Amino acid sequence: MGRALCDLIVTEYEACVASKGSFSFAISGGSMLKMLGLLDGSDALDWSKCTMGFVSHRCLPLDDDGATYAKARPAFLDSWLDRGLAVVSPTGTTDSEAEADAYEAALRETVGVDDEGYPAFDLCLIGVGLDGHVGSIYPQIPDVESDRAVVPITGVDGMGNVSTKLSLSIKAMLAAKRSVVACAGKSKKAPLGKARAMVRALEADETPMSFPASALRESATWLLDED
């Protein structure tokens, strides 16, 4: 799965650089970070021509262990930065509203926007949760239908702690020139894998409000493992 994902990234990079001289992409966290690590050390991309953003991110200091930025650094990000990658990231505060506004403004300056004002990523790499959340857009929250490009999310985690995040909206994910949903493997959260979630995402009678991933059913490329 990781090799297939990285091959796809290289293909998209080559097409974009050939047509316009640059490549922009957004990544998710979780298991995708392990997959992206397979590109570390690769000479297939000239990182100085690439700009990377995040599909979602916790509103934490960037060096906090819970921040996707911090998790990505040892896996691959430090290497990519050393070779010229430009990264658009949150500023590292816990104020989700301010972070969402600042992140959206930074995306406008770096990757540009489409005719409707959404970030013009060449490629958006998206993971899916068992409940169908994509980015930090969870079922049954008003942000599922948000017209904003970047939305602030405030919730309560399983330990009762307040958690603040920012996330590309579903409309912003759909605005990417190509979006890819990658879903593979088993974990403590998903000991049987995500087969049932994929049925809901791709075949069941769902709406974006009941299962947000279903909004990407027709538009995204889906990379799934055999399970």
Foldseek 3Di string as FASTA:
>chain_A
DLVVVVVVVLVLQVVCCVVPNAAEEAEEADPNLLSVLVCAPPPSDQQLRYEYEYQKWWQAALCDPRTRNNVNCVSHPVRSVVRHHHYQYFPGHRPQVVRQVVSLVVLCVPQNADPLSARAHQEYEWEADLQQDIHNRGAQDPLQPDPDQKDWDWDADPVRHITIMIGGHPVNQLNYNAYEYEFEDADPRRNPGNPVLVCVLAPDPDDCNRRVSVSCNPGHHYHYDPD
